[in-house]
Amino acid sequence: TSEKIKNLKPVNMEGWKYKLYSRVIVKSYPIRFLWKKVRHCLGK
């Protein structure tokens, strides 16, 4: 609501937690890709 939105705080996209997340998610792509393929094959 208009009252509650004043108290909301956005995720800090300049903070170390977000920067670490974005780098880990990009660097871990090969592992995540392999995991998705294995999961898909096991499902089949």
All heavy atoms as atom14 arrays in JSON, in Angstrom:
{
  "sequence": "TSEKIKNLKPVNMEGWKYKLYSRVIVKSYPIRFLWKKVRHCLGK",
  "atom14_mask": [
    [1, 1, 1, 1, 1, 1, 1, 0, 0, 0, 0, 0, 0, 0],
    [1, 1, 1, 1, 1, 1, 0, 0, 0, 0, 0, 0, 0, 0],
    [1, 1, 1, 1, 1, 1, 1, 1, 1, 0, 0, 0, 0, 0],
    [1, 1, 1, 1, 1, 1, 1, 1, 1, 0, 0, 0, 0, 0],
    [1, 1, 1, 1, 1, 1, 1, 1, 0, 0, 0, 0, 0, 0],
    [1, 1, 1, 1, 1, 1, 1, 1, 1, 0, 0, 0, 0, 0],
    [1, 1, 1, 1, 1, 1, 1, 1, 0, 0, 0, 0, 0, 0],
    [1, 1, 1, 1, 1, 1, 1, 1, 0, 0, 0, 0, 0, 0],
    [1, 1, 1, 1, 1, 1, 1, 1, 1, 0, 0, 0, 0, 0],
    [1, 1, 1, 1, 1, 1, 1, 0, 0, 0, 0, 0, 0, 0],
    [1, 1, 1, 1, 1, 1, 1, 0, 0, 0, 0, 0, 0, 0],
    [1, 1, 1, 1, 1, 1, 1, 1, 0, 0, 0, 0, 0, 0],
    [1, 1, 1, 1, 1, 1, 1, 1, 0, 0, 0, 0, 0, 0],
    [1, 1, 1, 1, 1, 1, 1, 1, 1, 0, 0, 0, 0, 0],
    [1, 1, 1, 1, 0, 0, 0, 0, 0, 0, 0, 0, 0, 0],
    [1, 1, 1, 1, 1, 1, 1, 1, 1, 1, 1, 1, 1, 1],
    [1, 1, 1, 1, 1, 1, 1, 1, 1, 0, 0, 0, 0, 0],
    [1, 1, 1, 1, 1, 1, 1, 1, 1, 1, 1, 1, 0, 0],
    [1, 1, 1, 1, 1, 1, 1, 1, 1, 0, 0, 0, 0, 0],
    [1, 1, 1, 1, 1, 1, 1, 1, 0, 0, 0, 0, 0, 0],
    [1, 1, 1, 1, 1, 1, 1, 1, 1, 1, 1, 1, 0, 0],
    [1, 1, 1, 1, 1, 1, 0, 0, 0, 0, 0, 0, 0, 0],
    [1, 1, 1, 1, 1, 1, 1, 1, 1, 1, 1, 0, 0, 0],
    [1, 1, 1, 1, 1, 1, 1, 0, 0, 0, 0, 0, 0, 0],
    [1, 1, 1, 1, 1, 1, 1, 1, 0, 0, 0, 0, 0, 0],
    [1, 1, 1, 1, 1, 1, 1, 0, 0, 0, 0, 0, 0, 0],
    [1, 1, 1, 1, 1, 1, 1, 1, 1, 0, 0, 0, 0, 0],
    [1, 1, 1, 1, 1, 1, 0, 0, 0, 0, 0, 0, 0, 0],
    [1, 1, 1, 1, 1, 1, 1, 1, 1, 1, 1, 1, 0, 0],
    [1, 1, 1, 1, 1, 1, 1, 0, 0, 0, 0, 0, 0, 0],
    [1, 1, 1, 1, 1, 1, 1, 1, 0, 0, 0, 0, 0, 0],
    [1, 1, 1, 1, 1, 1, 1, 1, 1, 1, 1, 0, 0, 0],
    [1, 1, 1, 1, 1, 1, 1, 1, 1, 1, 1, 0, 0, 0],
    [1, 1, 1, 1, 1, 1, 1, 1, 0, 0, 0, 0, 0, 0],
    [1, 1, 1, 1, 1, 1, 1, 1, 1, 1, 1, 1, 1, 1],
    [1, 1, 1, 1, 1, 1, 1, 1, 1, 0, 0, 0, 0, 0],
    [1, 1, 1, 1, 1, 1, 1, 1, 1, 0, 0, 0, 0, 0],
    [1, 1, 1, 1, 1, 1, 1, 0, 0, 0, 0, 0, 0, 0],
    [1, 1, 1, 1, 1, 1, 1, 1, 1, 1, 1, 0, 0, 0],
    [1, 1, 1, 1, 1, 1, 1, 1, 1, 1, 0, 0, 0, 0],
    [1, 1, 1, 1, 1, 1, 0, 0, 0, 0, 0, 0, 0, 0],
    [1, 1, 1, 1, 1, 1, 1, 1, 0, 0, 0, 0, 0, 0],
    [1, 1, 1, 1, 0, 0, 0, 0, 0, 0, 0, 0, 0, 0],
    [1, 1, 1, 1, 1, 1, 1, 1, 1, 0, 0, 0, 0, 0]
  ],
  "atom14_positions": [
    [[0.87, -1.17, 0.0], [0.0, 0.0, 0.0], [0.9, 1.22, 0.0], [2.1, 1.12, 0.23], [-0.92, 0.01, 1.25], [-0.09, 0.08, 2.41], [-1.79, -1.23, 1.3], [0.0, 0.0, 0.0], [0.0, 0.0, 0.0], [0.0, 0.0, 0.0], [0.0, 0.0, 0.0], [0.0, 0.0, 0.0], [0.0, 0.0, 0.0], [0.0, 0.0, 0.0]],
    [[0.32, 2.37, -0.22], [1.15, 3.59, -0.29], [1.91, 3.83, 1.01], [3.01, 4.35, 1.0], [0.27, 4.79, -0.63], [-0.74, 4.94, 0.35], [0.0, 0.0, 0.0], [0.0, 0.0, 0.0], [0.0, 0.0, 0.0], [0.0, 0.0, 0.0], [0.0, 0.0, 0.0], [0.0, 0.0, 0.0], [0.0, 0.0, 0.0], [0.0, 0.0, 0.0]],
    [[1.35, 3.41, 2.13], [2.02, 3.59, 3.41], [3.16, 2.58, 3.6], [4.24, 2.92, 4.03], [1.02, 3.45, 4.56], [1.57, 3.81, 5.91], [2.06, 5.25, 6.01], [1.42, 6.14, 5.42], [3.09, 5.48, 6.66], [0.0, 0.0, 0.0], [0.0, 0.0, 0.0], [0.0, 0.0, 0.0], [0.0, 0.0, 0.0], [0.0, 0.0, 0.0]],
    [[2.89, 1.33, 3.23], [3.88, 0.28, 3.44], [5.03, 0.36, 2.43], [6.14, -0.05, 2.73], [3.23, -1.09, 3.36], [2.34, -1.38, 4.54], [1.78, -2.78, 4.47], [0.89, -3.05, 5.67], [0.37, -4.4, 5.68], [0.0, 0.0, 0.0], [0.0, 0.0, 0.0], [0.0, 0.0, 0.0], [0.0, 0.0, 0.0], [0.0, 0.0, 0.0]],
    [[4.78, 0.88, 1.24], [5.83, 0.91, 0.22], [6.97, 1.84, 0.62], [8.11, 1.66, 0.21], [5.26, 1.28, -1.16], [6.2, 0.8, -2.26], [5.02, 2.78, -1.28], [5.58, 0.71, -3.61], [0.0, 0.0, 0.0], [0.0, 0.0, 0.0], [0.0, 0.0, 0.0], [0.0, 0.0, 0.0], [0.0, 0.0, 0.0], [0.0, 0.0, 0.0]],
    [[6.68, 2.82, 1.47], [7.73, 3.73, 1.93], [8.78, 3.01, 2.77], [9.93, 3.41, 2.81], [7.12, 4.87, 2.76], [6.23, 5.79, 1.98], [5.57, 6.8, 2.9], [4.5, 7.58, 2.15], [3.73, 8.43, 3.03], [0.0, 0.0, 0.0], [0.0, 0.0, 0.0], [0.0, 0.0, 0.0], [0.0, 0.0, 0.0], [0.0, 0.0, 0.0]],
    [[8.37, 1.94, 3.44], [9.27, 1.2, 4.33], [10.02, 0.07, 3.64], [10.9, -0.53, 4.24], [8.48, 0.64, 5.52], [7.85, 1.75, 6.33], [8.42, 2.82, 6.48], [6.66, 1.49, 6.84], [0.0, 0.0, 0.0], [0.0, 0.0, 0.0], [0.0, 0.0, 0.0], [0.0, 0.0, 0.0], [0.0, 0.0, 0.0], [0.0, 0.0, 0.0]],
    [[9.65, -0.23, 2.4], [10.32, -1.32, 1.68], [11.72, -0.89, 1.27], [11.95, 0.24, 0.86], [9.54, -1.7, 0.43], [8.21, -2.42, 0.64], [7.54, -2.65, -0.7], [8.41, -3.74, 1.35], [0.0, 0.0, 0.0], [0.0, 0.0, 0.0], [0.0, 0.0, 0.0], [0.0, 0.0, 0.0], [0.0, 0.0, 0.0], [0.0, 0.0, 0.0]],
    [[12.65, -1.83, 1.39], [14.03, -1.56, 0.97], [14.36, -2.5, -0.17], [14.17, -3.71, -0.06], [14.99, -1.76, 2.12], [14.82, -0.72, 3.2], [15.87, -0.85, 4.26], [15.63, 0.25, 5.29], [16.19, -0.06, 6.57], [0.0, 0.0, 0.0], [0.0, 0.0, 0.0], [0.0, 0.0, 0.0], [0.0, 0.0, 0.0], [0.0, 0.0, 0.0]],
    [[14.89, -1.96, -1.27], [15.25, -2.83, -2.39], [16.49, -3.65, -2.07], [17.26, -3.31, -1.17], [15.53, -1.84, -3.52], [15.97, -0.6, -2.83], [15.19, -0.56, -1.54], [0.0, 0.0, 0.0], [0.0, 0.0, 0.0], [0.0, 0.0, 0.0], [0.0, 0.0, 0.0], [0.0, 0.0, 0.0], [0.0, 0.0, 0.0], [0.0, 0.0, 0.0]],
    [[16.68, -4.72, -2.82], [17.91, -5.5, -2.72], [19.04, -4.58, -3.19], [18.92, -3.89, -4.21], [17.82, -6.76, -3.6], [19.17, -7.45, -3.71], [16.77, -7.71, -3.05], [0.0, 0.0, 0.0], [0.0, 0.0, 0.0], [0.0, 0.0, 0.0], [0.0, 0.0, 0.0], [0.0, 0.0, 0.0], [0.0, 0.0, 0.0], [0.0, 0.0, 0.0]],
    [[20.11, -4.55, -2.45], [21.25, -3.68, -2.78], [22.05, -4.3, -3.92], [22.85, -5.2, -3.71], [22.12, -3.49, -1.54], [23.29, -2.58, -1.8], [23.45, -2.03, -2.89], [24.13, -2.41, -0.8], [0.0, 0.0, 0.0], [0.0, 0.0, 0.0], [0.0, 0.0, 0.0], [0.0, 0.0, 0.0], [0.0, 0.0, 0.0], [0.0, 0.0, 0.0]],
    [[21.82, -3.8, -5.14], [22.51, -4.35, -6.31], [23.95, -3.88, -6.41], [24.69, -4.3, -7.29], [21.73, -4.01, -7.58], [20.39, -4.72, -7.62], [19.42, -4.39, -9.08], [20.36, -5.27, -10.31], [0.0, 0.0, 0.0], [0.0, 0.0, 0.0], [0.0, 0.0, 0.0], [0.0, 0.0, 0.0], [0.0, 0.0, 0.0], [0.0, 0.0, 0.0]],
    [[24.37, -3.01, -5.51], [25.77, -2.57, -5.46], [26.51, -3.23, -4.3], [27.71, -3.05, -4.14], [25.86, -1.05, -5.33], [25.28, -0.29, -6.51], [26.0, -0.62, -7.81], [27.24, -0.76, -7.8], [25.32, -0.76, -8.84], [0.0, 0.0, 0.0], [0.0, 0.0, 0.0], [0.0, 0.0, 0.0], [0.0, 0.0, 0.0], [0.0, 0.0, 0.0]],
    [[25.78, -3.99, -3.49], [26.38, -4.63, -2.32], [27.14, -5.9, -2.67], [26.97, -6.48, -3.74], [0.0, 0.0, 0.0], [0.0, 0.0, 0.0], [0.0, 0.0, 0.0], [0.0, 0.0, 0.0], [0.0, 0.0, 0.0], [0.0, 0.0, 0.0], [0.0, 0.0, 0.0], [0.0, 0.0, 0.0], [0.0, 0.0, 0.0], [0.0, 0.0, 0.0]],
    [[27.94, -6.37, -1.74], [28.8, -7.52, -1.98], [27.99, -8.81, -2.16], [28.4, -9.68, -2.92], [29.84, -7.66, -0.89], [29.3, -8.08, 0.45], [28.85, -7.28, 1.45], [29.14, -9.43, 0.91], [28.42, -8.03, 2.51], [28.59, -9.36, 2.21], [29.4, -10.68, 0.36], [28.29, -10.49, 2.95], [29.1, -11.82, 1.11], [28.55, -11.71, 2.39]],
    [[26.85, -8.93, -1.47], [26.06, -10.16, -1.59], [25.52, -10.33, -3.01], [25.59, -11.42, -3.59], [24.9, -10.15, -0.59], [25.33, -10.32, 0.84], [24.11, -10.27, 1.75], [24.51, -10.29, 3.19], [23.36, -10.16, 4.09], [0.0, 0.0, 0.0], [0.0, 0.0, 0.0], [0.0, 0.0, 0.0], [0.0, 0.0, 0.0], [0.0, 0.0, 0.0]],
    [[24.97, -9.25, -3.56], [24.43, -9.33, -4.92], [25.55, -9.55, -5.93], [25.44, -10.35, -6.85], [23.64, -8.07, -5.29], [23.19, -8.11, -6.72], [22.09, -8.86, -7.1], [23.9, -7.44, -7.72], [21.69, -8.94, -8.42], [23.52, -7.52, -9.04], [22.41, -8.26, -9.38], [22.03, -8.36, -10.7], [0.0, 0.0, 0.0], [0.0, 0.0, 0.0]],
    [[26.65, -8.85, -5.77], [27.78, -9.0, -6.69], [28.34, -10.42, -6.65], [28.66, -11.0, -7.69], [28.87, -7.97, -6.39], [28.47, -6.57, -6.81], [29.56, -5.57, -6.57], [29.12, -4.21, -7.07], [30.16, -3.21, -6.9], [0.0, 0.0, 0.0], [0.0, 0.0, 0.0], [0.0, 0.0, 0.0], [0.0, 0.0, 0.0], [0.0, 0.0, 0.0]],
    [[28.42, -10.98, -5.45], [28.89, -12.37, -5.32], [27.9, -13.3, -6.01], [28.3, -14.19, -6.77], [29.05, -12.74, -3.84], [29.45, -14.19, -3.57], [30.84, -14.47, -4.14], [29.4, -14.49, -2.08], [0.0, 0.0, 0.0], [0.0, 0.0, 0.0], [0.0, 0.0, 0.0], [0.0, 0.0, 0.0], [0.0, 0.0, 0.0], [0.0, 0.0, 0.0]],
    [[26.61, -13.11, -5.76], [25.58, -13.95, -6.39], [25.71, -13.91, -7.92], [25.72, -14.95, -8.57], [24.17, -13.51, -5.98], [23.11, -14.12, -6.85], [22.67, -15.41, -6.63], [22.59, -13.42, -7.94], [21.72, -16.0, -7.46], [21.65, -14.0, -8.77], [21.22, -15.29, -8.54], [20.3, -15.87, -9.36], [0.0, 0.0, 0.0], [0.0, 0.0, 0.0]],
    [[25.79, -12.71, -8.49], [25.81, -12.58, -9.95], [27.05, -13.24, -10.55], [26.98, -13.86, -11.62], [25.7, -11.13, -10.39], [26.79, -10.38, -9.92], [0.0, 0.0, 0.0], [0.0, 0.0, 0.0], [0.0, 0.0, 0.0], [0.0, 0.0, 0.0], [0.0, 0.0, 0.0], [0.0, 0.0, 0.0], [0.0, 0.0, 0.0], [0.0, 0.0, 0.0]],
    [[28.16, -13.16, -9.87], [29.37, -13.79, -10.37], [29.31, -15.32, -10.23], [29.7, -16.05, -11.14], [30.6, -13.23, -9.67], [31.0, -11.88, -10.28], [31.51, -10.89, -9.28], [31.82, -9.61, -9.88], [30.95, -8.65, -10.12], [29.67, -8.83, -9.85], [31.31, -7.5, -10.66], [0.0, 0.0, 0.0], [0.0, 0.0, 0.0], [0.0, 0.0, 0.0]],
    [[28.8, -15.8, -9.1], [28.68, -17.24, -8.89], [27.71, -17.84, -9.9], [27.98, -18.9, -10.47], [28.24, -17.55, -7.44], [27.79, -18.99, -7.29], [29.37, -17.24, -6.47], [0.0, 0.0, 0.0], [0.0, 0.0, 0.0], [0.0, 0.0, 0.0], [0.0, 0.0, 0.0], [0.0, 0.0, 0.0], [0.0, 0.0, 0.0], [0.0, 0.0, 0.0]],
    [[26.59, -17.17, -10.15], [25.59, -17.72, -11.07], [26.15, -17.81, -12.5], [25.86, -18.75, -13.22], [24.26, -16.92, -11.0], [23.07, -17.8, -11.41], [24.27, -15.68, -11.85], [22.64, -18.77, -10.4], [0.0, 0.0, 0.0], [0.0, 0.0, 0.0], [0.0, 0.0, 0.0], [0.0, 0.0, 0.0], [0.0, 0.0, 0.0], [0.0, 0.0, 0.0]],
    [[26.97, -16.86, -12.9], [27.57, -16.9, -14.24], [28.69, -17.94, -14.3], [28.76, -18.74, -15.22], [28.07, -15.5, -14.65], [28.91, -15.57, -15.92], [26.9, -14.55, -14.85], [0.0, 0.0, 0.0], [0.0, 0.0, 0.0], [0.0, 0.0, 0.0], [0.0, 0.0, 0.0], [0.0, 0.0, 0.0], [0.0, 0.0, 0.0], [0.0, 0.0, 0.0]],
    [[29.56, -17.95, -13.29], [30.7, -18.87, -13.3], [30.27, -20.33, -13.12], [30.96, -21.24, -13.6], [31.69, -18.51, -12.19], [32.27, -17.12, -12.32], [33.36, -17.07, -13.31], [34.02, -15.69, -13.24], [34.52, -15.22, -14.48], [0.0, 0.0, 0.0], [0.0, 0.0, 0.0], [0.0, 0.0, 0.0], [0.0, 0.0, 0.0], [0.0, 0.0, 0.0]],
    [[29.16, -20.57, -12.42], [28.73, -21.94, -12.15], [27.9, -22.53, -13.29], [27.39, -23.65, -13.16], [27.93, -22.0, -10.85], [26.7, -21.31, -10.99], [0.0, 0.0, 0.0], [0.0, 0.0, 0.0], [0.0, 0.0, 0.0], [0.0, 0.0, 0.0], [0.0, 0.0, 0.0], [0.0, 0.0, 0.0], [0.0, 0.0, 0.0], [0.0, 0.0, 0.0]],
    [[27.78, -21.83, -14.39], [26.95, -22.3, -15.5], [27.28, -23.72, -15.94], [26.37, -24.54, -16.09], [27.04, -21.34, -16.69], [26.42, -21.92, -17.93], [25.04, -22.01, -18.05], [27.21, -22.44, -18.96], [24.46, -22.59, -19.17], [26.64, -23.01, -20.07], [25.27, -23.08, -20.18], [24.7, -23.65, -21.28], [0.0, 0.0, 0.0], [0.0, 0.0, 0.0]],
    [[28.55, -24.09, -16.15], [28.82, -25.46, -16.61], [28.28, -26.53, -15.65], [27.73, -27.54, -16.09], [30.35, -25.52, -16.69], [30.78, -24.11, -16.86], [29.78, -23.29, -16.08], [0.0, 0.0, 0.0], [0.0, 0.0, 0.0], [0.0, 0.0, 0.0], [0.0, 0.0, 0.0], [0.0, 0.0, 0.0], [0.0, 0.0, 0.0], [0.0, 0.0, 0.0]],
    [[28.39, -26.29, -14.37], [27.88, -27.25, -13.38], [26.36, -27.29, -13.43], [25.76, -28.38, -13.41], [28.37, -26.87, -11.96], [29.88, -26.99, -11.9], [27.69, -27.72, -10.9], [30.52, -26.33, -10.7], [0.0, 0.0, 0.0], [0.0, 0.0, 0.0], [0.0, 0.0, 0.0], [0.0, 0.0, 0.0], [0.0, 0.0, 0.0], [0.0, 0.0, 0.0]],
    [[25.73, -26.12, -13.49], [24.26, -26.07, -13.55], [23.75, -26.7, -14.83], [22.74, -27.41, -14.82], [23.77, -24.62, -13.42], [24.0, -24.04, -12.05], [23.47, -22.62, -11.88], [24.1, -21.67, -12.76], [23.51, -21.1, -13.82], [22.28, -21.34, -14.1], [24.18, -20.24, -14.58], [0.0, 0.0, 0.0], [0.0, 0.0, 0.0], [0.0, 0.0, 0.0]],
    [[24.44, -26.5, -15.95], [24.05, -27.09, -17.23], [24.11, -28.62, -17.14], [23.18, -29.31, -17.53], [24.97, -26.58, -18.35], [24.69, -27.18, -19.69], [23.63, -26.72, -20.46], [25.45, -28.23, -20.19], [23.35, -27.27, -21.7], [25.18, -28.79, -21.42], [24.12, -28.31, -22.18], [0.0, 0.0, 0.0], [0.0, 0.0, 0.0], [0.0, 0.0, 0.0]],
    [[25.21, -29.12, -16.61], [25.37, -30.57, -16.45], [24.28, -31.14, -15.54], [23.68, -32.16, -15.85], [26.76, -30.89, -15.9], [27.08, -32.36, -15.7], [27.04, -33.11, -17.04], [28.44, -32.52, -15.05], [0.0, 0.0, 0.0], [0.0, 0.0, 0.0], [0.0, 0.0, 0.0], [0.0, 0.0, 0.0], [0.0, 0.0, 0.0], [0.0, 0.0, 0.0]],
    [[24.0, -30.46, -14.43], [22.96, -30.92, -13.51], [21.6, -30.98, -14.2], [20.87, -31.96, -14.04], [22.91, -30.02, -12.28], [21.72, -30.28, -11.42], [20.68, -29.43, -11.17], [21.41, -31.48, -10.69], [19.76, -30.02, -10.34], [20.18, -31.29, -10.04], [22.05, -32.7, -10.56], [19.59, -32.27, -9.26], [21.46, -33.68, -9.76], [20.24, -33.45, -9.13]],
    [[21.27, -29.98, -14.99], [19.97, -29.98, -15.7], [19.89, -31.13, -16.69], [18.85, -31.77, -16.83], [19.75, -28.64, -16.41], [19.34, -27.54, -15.47], [19.04, -26.26, -16.22], [18.65, -25.18, -15.26], [17.42, -24.56, -15.56], [0.0, 0.0, 0.0], [0.0, 0.0, 0.0], [0.0, 0.0, 0.0], [0.0, 0.0, 0.0], [0.0, 0.0, 0.0]],
    [[21.0, -31.41, -17.39], [21.01, -32.52, -18.35], [20.86, -33.87, -17.64], [20.1, -34.73, -18.08], [22.31, -32.51, -19.18], [22.38, -31.37, -20.16], [21.31, -31.52, -21.22], [21.41, -30.41, -22.23], [20.29, -30.4, -23.16], [0.0, 0.0, 0.0], [0.0, 0.0, 0.0], [0.0, 0.0, 0.0], [0.0, 0.0, 0.0], [0.0, 0.0, 0.0]],
    [[21.58, -34.05, -16.53], [21.47, -35.29, -15.77], [20.05, -35.47, -15.24], [19.47, -36.55, -15.35], [22.5, -35.31, -14.61], [22.21, -36.42, -13.61], [23.91, -35.43, -15.16], [0.0, 0.0, 0.0], [0.0, 0.0, 0.0], [0.0, 0.0, 0.0], [0.0, 0.0, 0.0], [0.0, 0.0, 0.0], [0.0, 0.0, 0.0], [0.0, 0.0, 0.0]],
    [[19.48, -34.41, -14.69], [18.1, -34.46, -14.18], [17.12, -34.82, -15.28], [16.2, -35.61, -15.08], [17.73, -33.12, -13.55], [17.27, -33.24, -12.14], [16.95, -31.94, -11.49], [15.9, -31.24, -12.22], [15.71, -29.94, -12.19], [16.49, -29.18, -11.48], [14.74, -29.39, -12.84], [0.0, 0.0, 0.0], [0.0, 0.0, 0.0], [0.0, 0.0, 0.0]],
    [[17.32, -34.24, -16.45], [16.44, -34.52, -17.59], [16.54, -36.0, -17.99], [15.51, -36.65, -18.21], [16.82, -33.62, -18.77], [16.04, -33.89, -20.01], [14.72, -33.54, -20.14], [16.39, -34.49, -21.17], [14.28, -33.92, -21.33], [15.28, -34.5, -21.98], [0.0, 0.0, 0.0], [0.0, 0.0, 0.0], [0.0, 0.0, 0.0], [0.0, 0.0, 0.0]],
    [[17.75, -36.52, -18.07], [17.94, -37.93, -18.45], [17.35, -38.87, -17.4], [16.7, -39.86, -17.74], [19.42, -38.23, -18.63], [20.11, -37.48, -20.11], [0.0, 0.0, 0.0], [0.0, 0.0, 0.0], [0.0, 0.0, 0.0], [0.0, 0.0, 0.0], [0.0, 0.0, 0.0], [0.0, 0.0, 0.0], [0.0, 0.0, 0.0], [0.0, 0.0, 0.0]],
    [[17.55, -38.56, -16.13], [16.97, -39.39, -15.06], [15.45, -39.37, -15.12], [14.8, -40.39, -14.88], [17.46, -38.93, -13.69], [18.94, -39.18, -13.39], [19.32, -38.55, -12.06], [19.26, -40.66, -13.4], [0.0, 0.0, 0.0], [0.0, 0.0, 0.0], [0.0, 0.0, 0.0], [0.0, 0.0, 0.0], [0.0, 0.0, 0.0], [0.0, 0.0, 0.0]],
    [[14.88, -38.22, -15.45], [13.43, -38.11, -15.59], [12.91, -38.97, -16.73], [11.87, -39.62, -16.62], [0.0, 0.0, 0.0], [0.0, 0.0, 0.0], [0.0, 0.0, 0.0], [0.0, 0.0, 0.0], [0.0, 0.0, 0.0], [0.0, 0.0, 0.0], [0.0, 0.0, 0.0], [0.0, 0.0, 0.0], [0.0, 0.0, 0.0], [0.0, 0.0, 0.0]],
    [[13.65, -38.99, -17.84], [13.25, -39.83, -18.98], [13.3, -41.31, -18.61], [12.4, -42.08, -18.96], [14.16, -39.55, -20.19], [13.87, -38.26, -20.9], [14.85, -38.01, -22.02], [14.42, -38.74, -23.27], [15.26, -38.37, -24.44], [0.0, 0.0, 0.0], [0.0, 0.0, 0.0], [0.0, 0.0, 0.0], [0.0, 0.0, 0.0], [0.0, 0.0, 0.0]]
  ]
}
